Amino acid sequence: MKTAHHRKKQPEAVRQLLLGVTAGLCVEKGASGVTLDAVAAAAGVSKGGLLHHFPSKAALLDGLLDDLIDRLDAAIHRAMTDDPEPRGRFTRAYLKVCFVPGGMAEEERWKAMTMALLGEPHLRQRWRRWVEDRSALHAGTDLSINCELVRFATDGLWLASLLESHRLDPAREQALMHRLVELTRT
């Protein structure tokens, strides 16, 4: 009797592949260019395989946002752990993670998600909820107007990096980072 060859299932690897393909399609074609058929074809998986992980386009985009938020939260947590000063700690961590010389981690996926956030109201609502939740969670240490200003500046620097709209030399990046960090302490 012949034994059929069974491929070892790697659901997390397939899930990450699907999210990566989704991000690539978002960057290339915008969120409207992301279709289940296009993602399945580009990933080399069956549509049924895709639907097993993500039953709809909305679930696929939600999955990409969830994955990015999980990674962002983990990076912020690591940066906060390394910062002994409580006042402004979350804001400094947010700055450190999002304003990185050469681009932040997962930059291509964030670029794709930013495009999707602009066009998908339910994703904007979920992102707004993340911002509100973190603001409430860290209100005891990061409620100052300066911390809020730094977070807005960080978002602007992040967007400029994703859009590649501004080129900053390393010395200028360092000066901006230093000044923003100073603001979190006053």
N, C-alpha and C. Protein backbone atom coordinates (compact mmCIF):
# COMPACT_ATOMS: atom_id res chain seq x y z
N MET A 1 0.84 -1.18 0.00
CA MET A 1 0.00 0.00 0.00
C MET A 1 0.88 1.24 0.00
N LYS A 2 0.56 2.18 -0.85
CA LYS A 2 1.31 3.42 -0.93
C LYS A 2 0.86 4.38 0.16
N THR A 3 1.82 5.09 0.69
CA THR A 3 1.51 6.12 1.67
C THR A 3 1.57 7.46 0.95
N ALA A 4 0.50 8.18 1.02
CA ALA A 4 0.46 9.49 0.37
C ALA A 4 1.40 10.45 1.08
N HIS A 5 2.04 11.28 0.29
CA HIS A 5 2.93 12.29 0.88
C HIS A 5 2.06 13.42 1.43
N HIS A 6 2.27 13.71 2.69
CA HIS A 6 1.52 14.80 3.31
C HIS A 6 2.47 15.95 3.62
N ARG A 7 2.11 17.08 3.15
CA ARG A 7 2.89 18.28 3.44
C ARG A 7 2.64 18.66 4.89
N LYS A 8 3.71 19.00 5.59
CA LYS A 8 3.58 19.42 6.98
C LYS A 8 2.86 20.77 7.00
N LYS A 9 1.81 20.84 7.77
CA LYS A 9 1.05 22.08 7.84
C LYS A 9 1.78 23.08 8.72
N GLN A 10 1.81 24.29 8.23
CA GLN A 10 2.43 25.39 8.96
C GLN A 10 1.47 26.57 8.90
N PRO A 11 0.41 26.51 9.71
CA PRO A 11 -0.63 27.55 9.59
C PRO A 11 -0.12 28.97 9.84
N GLU A 12 0.80 29.14 10.79
CA GLU A 12 1.29 30.50 11.06
C GLU A 12 2.12 31.01 9.90
N ALA A 13 2.90 30.13 9.29
CA ALA A 13 3.69 30.55 8.13
C ALA A 13 2.78 30.93 6.96
N VAL A 14 1.72 30.18 6.75
CA VAL A 14 0.77 30.50 5.68
C VAL A 14 0.06 31.82 6.00
N ARG A 15 -0.32 31.98 7.26
CA ARG A 15 -0.99 33.22 7.67
C ARG A 15 -0.08 34.43 7.41
N GLN A 16 1.19 34.32 7.79
CA GLN A 16 2.13 35.42 7.58
C GLN A 16 2.36 35.67 6.09
N LEU A 17 2.41 34.60 5.30
CA LEU A 17 2.55 34.74 3.85
C LEU A 17 1.35 35.53 3.29
N LEU A 18 0.16 35.16 3.72
CA LEU A 18 -1.05 35.85 3.24
C LEU A 18 -1.05 37.32 3.64
N LEU A 19 -0.62 37.61 4.86
CA LEU A 19 -0.55 39.01 5.30
C LEU A 19 0.49 39.78 4.51
N GLY A 20 1.63 39.15 4.23
CA GLY A 20 2.67 39.80 3.43
C GLY A 20 2.20 40.10 2.02
N VAL A 21 1.53 39.14 1.42
CA VAL A 21 0.99 39.34 0.07
C VAL A 21 -0.05 40.45 0.08
N THR A 22 -0.91 40.46 1.09
CA THR A 22 -1.92 41.51 1.21
C THR A 22 -1.26 42.88 1.30
N ALA A 23 -0.23 42.99 2.13
CA ALA A 23 0.49 44.26 2.26
C ALA A 23 1.08 44.68 0.92
N GLY A 24 1.69 43.74 0.22
CA GLY A 24 2.27 44.05 -1.09
C GLY A 24 1.24 44.54 -2.08
N LEU A 25 0.09 43.89 -2.11
CA LEU A 25 -0.97 44.32 -3.02
C LEU A 25 -1.51 45.69 -2.63
N CYS A 26 -1.60 45.97 -1.33
CA CYS A 26 -2.05 47.30 -0.87
C CYS A 26 -1.11 48.38 -1.36
N VAL A 27 0.20 48.14 -1.24
CA VAL A 27 1.18 49.13 -1.66
C VAL A 27 1.12 49.31 -3.17
N GLU A 28 1.01 48.20 -3.88
CA GLU A 28 1.03 48.24 -5.34
C GLU A 28 -0.26 48.79 -5.95
N LYS A 29 -1.43 48.37 -5.39
CA LYS A 29 -2.70 48.69 -6.03
C LYS A 29 -3.68 49.44 -5.14
N GLY A 30 -3.31 49.69 -3.88
CA GLY A 30 -4.24 50.30 -2.93
C GLY A 30 -5.16 49.24 -2.35
N ALA A 31 -5.87 49.60 -1.29
CA ALA A 31 -6.75 48.65 -0.61
C ALA A 31 -7.83 48.11 -1.55
N SER A 32 -8.26 48.93 -2.50
CA SER A 32 -9.30 48.47 -3.43
C SER A 32 -8.77 47.37 -4.35
N GLY A 33 -7.46 47.30 -4.53
CA GLY A 33 -6.86 46.26 -5.37
C GLY A 33 -6.68 44.94 -4.67
N VAL A 34 -6.97 44.90 -3.37
CA VAL A 34 -6.86 43.66 -2.61
C VAL A 34 -8.17 42.89 -2.77
N THR A 35 -8.08 41.78 -3.44
CA THR A 35 -9.23 40.87 -3.55
C THR A 35 -8.79 39.51 -3.05
N LEU A 36 -9.73 38.71 -2.62
CA LEU A 36 -9.38 37.37 -2.13
C LEU A 36 -8.73 36.55 -3.24
N ASP A 37 -9.24 36.68 -4.46
CA ASP A 37 -8.66 35.94 -5.58
C ASP A 37 -7.22 36.37 -5.84
N ALA A 38 -6.97 37.68 -5.80
CA ALA A 38 -5.63 38.20 -6.06
C ALA A 38 -4.65 37.75 -4.97
N VAL A 39 -5.09 37.78 -3.72
CA VAL A 39 -4.23 37.37 -2.61
C VAL A 39 -3.91 35.87 -2.72
N ALA A 40 -4.93 35.06 -2.96
CA ALA A 40 -4.71 33.61 -3.07
C ALA A 40 -3.75 33.30 -4.22
N ALA A 41 -3.97 33.93 -5.36
CA ALA A 41 -3.11 33.67 -6.52
C ALA A 41 -1.67 34.09 -6.25
N ALA A 42 -1.50 35.29 -5.71
CA ALA A 42 -0.14 35.80 -5.46
C ALA A 42 0.57 34.98 -4.39
N ALA A 43 -0.18 34.44 -3.42
CA ALA A 43 0.43 33.64 -2.35
C ALA A 43 0.65 32.19 -2.77
N GLY A 44 0.01 31.79 -3.87
CA GLY A 44 0.15 30.41 -4.31
C GLY A 44 -0.60 29.43 -3.42
N VAL A 45 -1.72 29.89 -2.86
CA VAL A 45 -2.57 29.01 -2.06
C VAL A 45 -3.96 28.98 -2.68
N SER A 46 -4.70 27.97 -2.36
CA SER A 46 -6.06 27.89 -2.88
C SER A 46 -6.93 28.95 -2.20
N LYS A 47 -8.00 29.30 -2.85
CA LYS A 47 -8.92 30.27 -2.24
C LYS A 47 -9.48 29.68 -0.94
N GLY A 48 -9.72 28.38 -0.94
CA GLY A 48 -10.19 27.72 0.28
C GLY A 48 -9.17 27.82 1.41
N GLY A 49 -7.88 27.70 1.05
CA GLY A 49 -6.82 27.86 2.05
C GLY A 49 -6.81 29.27 2.63
N LEU A 50 -6.99 30.25 1.75
CA LEU A 50 -7.07 31.64 2.20
C LEU A 50 -8.28 31.82 3.11
N LEU A 51 -9.44 31.32 2.67
CA LEU A 51 -10.68 31.50 3.44
C LEU A 51 -10.61 30.79 4.79
N HIS A 52 -9.80 29.75 4.90
CA HIS A 52 -9.61 29.08 6.19
C HIS A 52 -9.00 30.04 7.21
N HIS A 53 -8.08 30.88 6.75
CA HIS A 53 -7.41 31.84 7.64
C HIS A 53 -8.18 33.16 7.75
N PHE A 54 -8.70 33.61 6.63
CA PHE A 54 -9.37 34.92 6.58
C PHE A 54 -10.63 34.78 5.73
N PRO A 55 -11.81 34.74 6.35
CA PRO A 55 -13.05 34.47 5.61
C PRO A 55 -13.56 35.61 4.73
N SER A 56 -12.91 36.76 4.78
CA SER A 56 -13.36 37.89 3.97
C SER A 56 -12.20 38.88 3.80
N LYS A 57 -12.37 39.81 2.88
CA LYS A 57 -11.37 40.85 2.69
C LYS A 57 -11.23 41.69 3.96
N ALA A 58 -12.36 42.00 4.61
CA ALA A 58 -12.30 42.77 5.85
C ALA A 58 -11.51 42.02 6.91
N ALA A 59 -11.71 40.71 7.00
CA ALA A 59 -10.96 39.91 7.98
C ALA A 59 -9.47 39.90 7.65
N LEU A 60 -9.16 39.90 6.38
CA LEU A 60 -7.76 39.93 5.94
C LEU A 60 -7.10 41.25 6.34
N LEU A 61 -7.77 42.37 6.08
CA LEU A 61 -7.24 43.68 6.47
C LEU A 61 -7.19 43.82 7.99
N ASP A 62 -8.21 43.30 8.68
CA ASP A 62 -8.19 43.30 10.15
C ASP A 62 -7.01 42.48 10.66
N GLY A 63 -6.76 41.34 10.01
CA GLY A 63 -5.63 40.49 10.41
C GLY A 63 -4.30 41.21 10.24
N LEU A 64 -4.17 41.96 9.15
CA LEU A 64 -2.94 42.72 8.92
C LEU A 64 -2.78 43.80 10.00
N LEU A 65 -3.86 44.50 10.31
CA LEU A 65 -3.80 45.53 11.36
C LEU A 65 -3.50 44.90 12.72
N ASP A 66 -4.16 43.80 13.04
CA ASP A 66 -3.91 43.12 14.33
C ASP A 66 -2.45 42.71 14.45
N ASP A 67 -1.91 42.14 13.39
CA ASP A 67 -0.52 41.70 13.40
C ASP A 67 0.43 42.88 13.62
N LEU A 68 0.18 43.96 12.92
CA LEU A 68 1.02 45.15 13.06
C LEU A 68 0.90 45.77 14.45
N ILE A 69 -0.31 45.83 14.97
CA ILE A 69 -0.50 46.39 16.32
C ILE A 69 0.19 45.51 17.36
N ASP A 70 0.07 44.20 17.21
CA ASP A 70 0.76 43.31 18.15
C ASP A 70 2.27 43.56 18.14
N ARG A 71 2.82 43.70 16.96
CA ARG A 71 4.26 43.97 16.84
C ARG A 71 4.62 45.35 17.39
N LEU A 72 3.77 46.34 17.12
CA LEU A 72 4.00 47.69 17.63
C LEU A 72 3.95 47.69 19.16
N ASP A 73 2.93 47.05 19.72
CA ASP A 73 2.81 46.99 21.18
C ASP A 73 4.03 46.30 21.81
N ALA A 74 4.49 45.22 21.20
CA ALA A 74 5.65 44.51 21.74
C ALA A 74 6.90 45.39 21.69
N ALA A 75 7.10 46.09 20.59
CA ALA A 75 8.27 46.97 20.46
C ALA A 75 8.19 48.13 21.45
N ILE A 76 7.01 48.70 21.63
CA ILE A 76 6.83 49.79 22.60
C ILE A 76 7.09 49.27 24.01
N HIS A 77 6.57 48.10 24.31
CA HIS A 77 6.79 47.52 25.64
C HIS A 77 8.28 47.32 25.91
N ARG A 78 9.01 46.79 24.93
CA ARG A 78 10.46 46.60 25.10
C ARG A 78 11.15 47.93 25.35
N ALA A 79 10.78 48.95 24.58
CA ALA A 79 11.40 50.26 24.75
C ALA A 79 11.05 50.87 26.10
N MET A 80 9.83 50.66 26.57
CA MET A 80 9.43 51.18 27.88
C MET A 80 10.19 50.47 29.00
N THR A 81 10.43 49.20 28.84
CA THR A 81 11.16 48.42 29.84
C THR A 81 12.58 48.95 29.99
N ASP A 82 13.16 49.44 28.92
CA ASP A 82 14.53 49.96 28.95
C ASP A 82 14.62 51.40 29.46
N ASP A 83 13.49 52.04 29.73
CA ASP A 83 13.47 53.45 30.13
C ASP A 83 13.12 53.54 31.62
N PRO A 84 14.07 53.96 32.46
CA PRO A 84 13.82 53.99 33.90
C PRO A 84 12.95 55.16 34.38
N GLU A 85 12.76 56.17 33.54
CA GLU A 85 12.03 57.37 33.94
C GLU A 85 10.54 57.24 33.59
N PRO A 86 9.66 57.18 34.59
CA PRO A 86 8.24 56.98 34.31
C PRO A 86 7.58 58.10 33.50
N ARG A 87 7.89 59.35 33.82
CA ARG A 87 7.23 60.49 33.18
C ARG A 87 7.57 60.53 31.69
N GLY A 88 6.56 60.39 30.84
CA GLY A 88 6.75 60.44 29.38
C GLY A 88 7.28 59.15 28.78
N ARG A 89 7.33 58.08 29.56
CA ARG A 89 7.93 56.81 29.10
C ARG A 89 7.23 56.25 27.86
N PHE A 90 5.92 56.22 27.87
CA PHE A 90 5.20 55.68 26.71
C PHE A 90 5.50 56.52 25.46
N THR A 91 5.46 57.84 25.61
CA THR A 91 5.70 58.72 24.47
C THR A 91 7.10 58.55 23.91
N ARG A 92 8.11 58.43 24.79
CA ARG A 92 9.48 58.20 24.31
C ARG A 92 9.58 56.85 23.60
N ALA A 93 8.90 55.85 24.12
CA ALA A 93 8.92 54.53 23.48
C ALA A 93 8.25 54.60 22.11
N TYR A 94 7.12 55.28 22.04
CA TYR A 94 6.41 55.44 20.77
C TYR A 94 7.30 56.15 19.76
N LEU A 95 7.96 57.21 20.21
CA LEU A 95 8.89 57.95 19.35
C LEU A 95 10.03 57.04 18.89
N LYS A 96 10.62 56.31 19.81
CA LYS A 96 11.76 55.45 19.49
C LYS A 96 11.39 54.36 18.48
N VAL A 97 10.20 53.83 18.61
CA VAL A 97 9.76 52.74 17.73
C VAL A 97 9.32 53.26 16.36
N CYS A 98 8.67 54.41 16.33
CA CYS A 98 8.08 54.91 15.09
C CYS A 98 8.97 55.85 14.28
N PHE A 99 9.93 56.50 14.94
CA PHE A 99 10.82 57.42 14.24
C PHE A 99 12.22 56.82 14.30
N VAL A 100 12.46 55.93 13.37
CA VAL A 100 13.70 55.17 13.34
C VAL A 100 14.49 55.56 12.11
N PRO A 101 15.75 55.97 12.29
CA PRO A 101 16.57 56.26 11.10
C PRO A 101 16.55 55.06 10.14
N GLY A 102 16.27 55.33 8.88
CA GLY A 102 16.20 54.27 7.89
C GLY A 102 14.84 53.59 7.82
N GLY A 103 13.92 53.97 8.69
CA GLY A 103 12.57 53.41 8.64
C GLY A 103 12.29 52.46 9.77
N MET A 104 11.04 52.40 10.16
CA MET A 104 10.64 51.55 11.27
C MET A 104 10.52 50.10 10.83
N ALA A 105 10.50 49.21 11.81
CA ALA A 105 10.31 47.80 11.51
C ALA A 105 8.97 47.61 10.81
N GLU A 106 8.92 46.67 9.90
CA GLU A 106 7.68 46.37 9.17
C GLU A 106 7.19 47.55 8.34
N GLU A 107 8.13 48.37 7.86
CA GLU A 107 7.74 49.61 7.17
C GLU A 107 6.85 49.35 5.96
N GLU A 108 7.15 48.33 5.17
CA GLU A 108 6.31 48.08 4.00
C GLU A 108 4.89 47.70 4.40
N ARG A 109 4.76 46.91 5.46
CA ARG A 109 3.42 46.54 5.93
C ARG A 109 2.70 47.77 6.49
N TRP A 110 3.43 48.63 7.21
CA TRP A 110 2.80 49.84 7.72
C TRP A 110 2.40 50.78 6.58
N LYS A 111 3.22 50.82 5.55
CA LYS A 111 2.86 51.64 4.39
C LYS A 111 1.54 51.14 3.80
N ALA A 112 1.42 49.83 3.66
CA ALA A 112 0.19 49.25 3.14
C ALA A 112 -0.98 49.53 4.06
N MET A 113 -0.76 49.37 5.36
CA MET A 113 -1.84 49.59 6.30
C MET A 113 -2.26 51.06 6.33
N THR A 114 -1.31 51.96 6.22
CA THR A 114 -1.65 53.38 6.20
C THR A 114 -2.56 53.68 5.01
N MET A 115 -2.25 53.09 3.87
CA MET A 115 -3.10 53.28 2.69
C MET A 115 -4.49 52.71 2.95
N ALA A 116 -4.53 51.53 3.58
CA ALA A 116 -5.83 50.92 3.88
C ALA A 116 -6.60 51.74 4.91
N LEU A 117 -5.90 52.28 5.91
CA LEU A 117 -6.57 53.11 6.92
C LEU A 117 -7.25 54.32 6.29
N LEU A 118 -6.61 54.90 5.28
CA LEU A 118 -7.19 56.06 4.61
C LEU A 118 -8.49 55.73 3.90
N GLY A 119 -8.61 54.50 3.40
CA GLY A 119 -9.77 54.15 2.60
C GLY A 119 -10.81 53.28 3.28
N GLU A 120 -10.50 52.77 4.46
CA GLU A 120 -11.41 51.83 5.12
C GLU A 120 -11.85 52.38 6.49
N PRO A 121 -13.07 52.89 6.60
CA PRO A 121 -13.53 53.48 7.86
C PRO A 121 -13.44 52.53 9.06
N HIS A 122 -13.74 51.25 8.88
CA HIS A 122 -13.69 50.34 10.03
C HIS A 122 -12.27 50.16 10.55
N LEU A 123 -11.27 50.25 9.66
CA LEU A 123 -9.88 50.17 10.11
C LEU A 123 -9.48 51.46 10.85
N ARG A 124 -9.93 52.60 10.35
CA ARG A 124 -9.64 53.86 11.05
C ARG A 124 -10.23 53.84 12.45
N GLN A 125 -11.43 53.30 12.58
CA GLN A 125 -12.07 53.21 13.89
C GLN A 125 -11.25 52.31 14.83
N ARG A 126 -10.75 51.21 14.32
CA ARG A 126 -9.94 50.31 15.14
C ARG A 126 -8.62 50.97 15.54
N TRP A 127 -7.99 51.70 14.60
CA TRP A 127 -6.76 52.41 14.94
C TRP A 127 -7.03 53.50 15.97
N ARG A 128 -8.11 54.25 15.80
CA ARG A 128 -8.47 55.29 16.75
C ARG A 128 -8.67 54.69 18.15
N ARG A 129 -9.28 53.52 18.20
CA ARG A 129 -9.48 52.83 19.48
C ARG A 129 -8.14 52.48 20.12
N TRP A 130 -7.17 52.02 19.30
CA TRP A 130 -5.83 51.72 19.84
C TRP A 130 -5.21 52.98 20.44
N VAL A 131 -5.29 54.09 19.70
CA VAL A 131 -4.71 55.36 20.18
C VAL A 131 -5.40 55.78 21.48
N GLU A 132 -6.72 55.72 21.51
CA GLU A 132 -7.46 56.12 22.71
C GLU A 132 -7.14 55.21 23.89
N ASP A 133 -7.06 53.91 23.64
CA ASP A 133 -6.73 52.96 24.72
C ASP A 133 -5.34 53.22 25.29
N ARG A 134 -4.36 53.46 24.43
CA ARG A 134 -3.00 53.72 24.92
C ARG A 134 -2.93 55.06 25.64
N SER A 135 -3.66 56.04 25.15
CA SER A 135 -3.69 57.34 25.81
C SER A 135 -4.28 57.21 27.21
N ALA A 136 -5.36 56.46 27.35
CA ALA A 136 -5.97 56.25 28.66
C ALA A 136 -5.05 55.42 29.57
N LEU A 137 -4.44 54.41 29.03
CA LEU A 137 -3.56 53.54 29.81
C LEU A 137 -2.37 54.30 30.38
N HIS A 138 -1.85 55.25 29.63
CA HIS A 138 -0.65 55.98 30.04
C HIS A 138 -0.94 57.42 30.45
N ALA A 139 -2.20 57.72 30.77
CA ALA A 139 -2.58 59.08 31.15
C ALA A 139 -1.84 59.55 32.40
N GLY A 140 -1.53 58.66 33.30
CA GLY A 140 -0.84 59.04 34.52
C GLY A 140 0.58 59.54 34.30
N THR A 141 1.20 59.14 33.20
CA THR A 141 2.60 59.52 32.95
C THR A 141 2.79 60.34 31.68
N ASP A 142 1.83 60.32 30.76
CA ASP A 142 2.04 60.90 29.44
C ASP A 142 0.91 61.84 29.01
N LEU A 143 0.30 62.48 29.97
CA LEU A 143 -0.85 63.34 29.67
C LEU A 143 -0.46 64.78 29.34
N SER A 144 0.79 65.15 29.54
CA SER A 144 1.19 66.54 29.33
C SER A 144 1.01 66.96 27.87
N ILE A 145 0.86 68.25 27.69
CA ILE A 145 0.72 68.80 26.34
C ILE A 145 1.97 68.51 25.51
N ASN A 146 3.14 68.53 26.17
CA ASN A 146 4.38 68.23 25.44
C ASN A 146 4.40 66.79 24.95
N CYS A 147 3.95 65.85 25.77
CA CYS A 147 3.90 64.46 25.31
C CYS A 147 2.94 64.30 24.14
N GLU A 148 1.80 64.98 24.23
CA GLU A 148 0.84 64.91 23.13
C GLU A 148 1.44 65.51 21.86
N LEU A 149 2.13 66.63 22.01
CA LEU A 149 2.79 67.26 20.88
C LEU A 149 3.83 66.32 20.26
N VAL A 150 4.60 65.63 21.09
CA VAL A 150 5.61 64.69 20.58
C VAL A 150 4.95 63.54 19.84
N ARG A 151 3.84 63.04 20.36
CA ARG A 151 3.15 61.94 19.65
C ARG A 151 2.62 62.41 18.29
N PHE A 152 2.09 63.63 18.23
CA PHE A 152 1.64 64.17 16.93
C PHE A 152 2.83 64.37 15.99
N ALA A 153 3.93 64.89 16.51
CA ALA A 153 5.13 65.06 15.68
C ALA A 153 5.63 63.70 15.19
N THR A 154 5.60 62.71 16.06
CA THR A 154 6.03 61.36 15.68
C THR A 154 5.17 60.83 14.55
N ASP A 155 3.85 61.02 14.66
CA ASP A 155 2.96 60.57 13.59
C ASP A 155 3.28 61.27 12.27
N GLY A 156 3.58 62.57 12.33
CA GLY A 156 3.95 63.31 11.12
C GLY A 156 5.26 62.81 10.53
N LEU A 157 6.24 62.55 11.38
CA LEU A 157 7.53 62.01 10.90
C LEU A 157 7.35 60.62 10.31
N TRP A 158 6.50 59.83 10.95
CA TRP A 158 6.21 58.48 10.48
C TRP A 158 5.56 58.55 9.09
N LEU A 159 4.56 59.39 8.95
CA LEU A 159 3.88 59.52 7.66
C LEU A 159 4.84 60.03 6.59
N ALA A 160 5.67 61.00 6.92
CA ALA A 160 6.64 61.51 5.95
C ALA A 160 7.61 60.41 5.52
N SER A 161 7.99 59.56 6.45
CA SER A 161 8.87 58.44 6.12
C SER A 161 8.17 57.44 5.21
N LEU A 162 6.93 57.09 5.56
CA LEU A 162 6.18 56.13 4.75
C LEU A 162 5.93 56.65 3.33
N LEU A 163 5.64 57.94 3.23
CA LEU A 163 5.37 58.54 1.92
C LEU A 163 6.65 58.93 1.18
N GLU A 164 7.77 58.84 1.90
CA GLU A 164 9.07 59.23 1.34
C GLU A 164 9.01 60.67 0.82
N SER A 165 8.31 61.52 1.58
CA SER A 165 8.12 62.90 1.15
C SER A 165 9.22 63.85 1.62
N HIS A 166 9.95 63.48 2.65
CA HIS A 166 11.01 64.33 3.18
C HIS A 166 12.27 63.49 3.38
N ARG A 167 13.37 64.03 2.98
CA ARG A 167 14.66 63.38 3.20
C ARG A 167 15.38 64.14 4.32
N LEU A 168 15.72 63.44 5.37
CA LEU A 168 16.44 64.05 6.48
C LEU A 168 17.81 63.39 6.59
N ASP A 169 18.84 64.20 6.70
CA ASP A 169 20.16 63.62 6.90
C ASP A 169 20.25 63.11 8.34
N PRO A 170 21.15 62.18 8.61
CA PRO A 170 21.24 61.57 9.95
C PRO A 170 21.44 62.58 11.07
N ALA A 171 22.22 63.63 10.85
CA ALA A 171 22.44 64.63 11.90
C ALA A 171 21.12 65.34 12.24
N ARG A 172 20.33 65.63 11.22
CA ARG A 172 19.05 66.31 11.43
C ARG A 172 18.08 65.37 12.16
N GLU A 173 18.06 64.09 11.78
CA GLU A 173 17.22 63.11 12.47
C GLU A 173 17.58 63.04 13.95
N GLN A 174 18.87 62.99 14.24
CA GLN A 174 19.33 62.94 15.63
C GLN A 174 18.91 64.19 16.39
N ALA A 175 19.04 65.35 15.78
CA ALA A 175 18.65 66.60 16.43
C ALA A 175 17.15 66.61 16.72
N LEU A 176 16.34 66.17 15.76
CA LEU A 176 14.90 66.09 15.97
C LEU A 176 14.57 65.12 17.10
N MET A 177 15.17 63.95 17.08
CA MET A 177 14.93 62.94 18.11
C MET A 177 15.29 63.51 19.48
N HIS A 178 16.46 64.12 19.58
CA HIS A 178 16.91 64.68 20.86
C HIS A 178 15.93 65.73 21.38
N ARG A 179 15.49 66.62 20.51
CA ARG A 179 14.57 67.68 20.92
C ARG A 179 13.23 67.11 21.34
N LEU A 180 12.74 66.13 20.60
CA LEU A 180 11.45 65.52 20.96
C LEU A 180 11.55 64.78 22.30
N VAL A 181 12.64 64.08 22.53
CA VAL A 181 12.83 63.39 23.81
C VAL A 181 12.86 64.42 24.94
N GLU A 182 13.55 65.53 24.73
CA GLU A 182 13.59 66.60 25.74
C GLU A 182 12.18 67.08 26.09
N LEU A 183 11.35 67.22 25.09
CA LEU A 183 9.98 67.70 25.34
C LEU A 183 9.20 66.75 26.23
N THR A 184 9.47 65.46 26.16
CA THR A 184 8.73 64.49 27.00
C THR A 184 9.09 64.63 28.46
N ARG A 185 10.17 65.30 28.74
CA ARG A 185 10.66 65.42 30.12
C ARG A 185 10.32 66.76 30.77
N THR A 186 9.65 67.64 30.00
CA THR A 186 9.31 68.96 30.56
C THR A 186 7.82 69.14 30.70
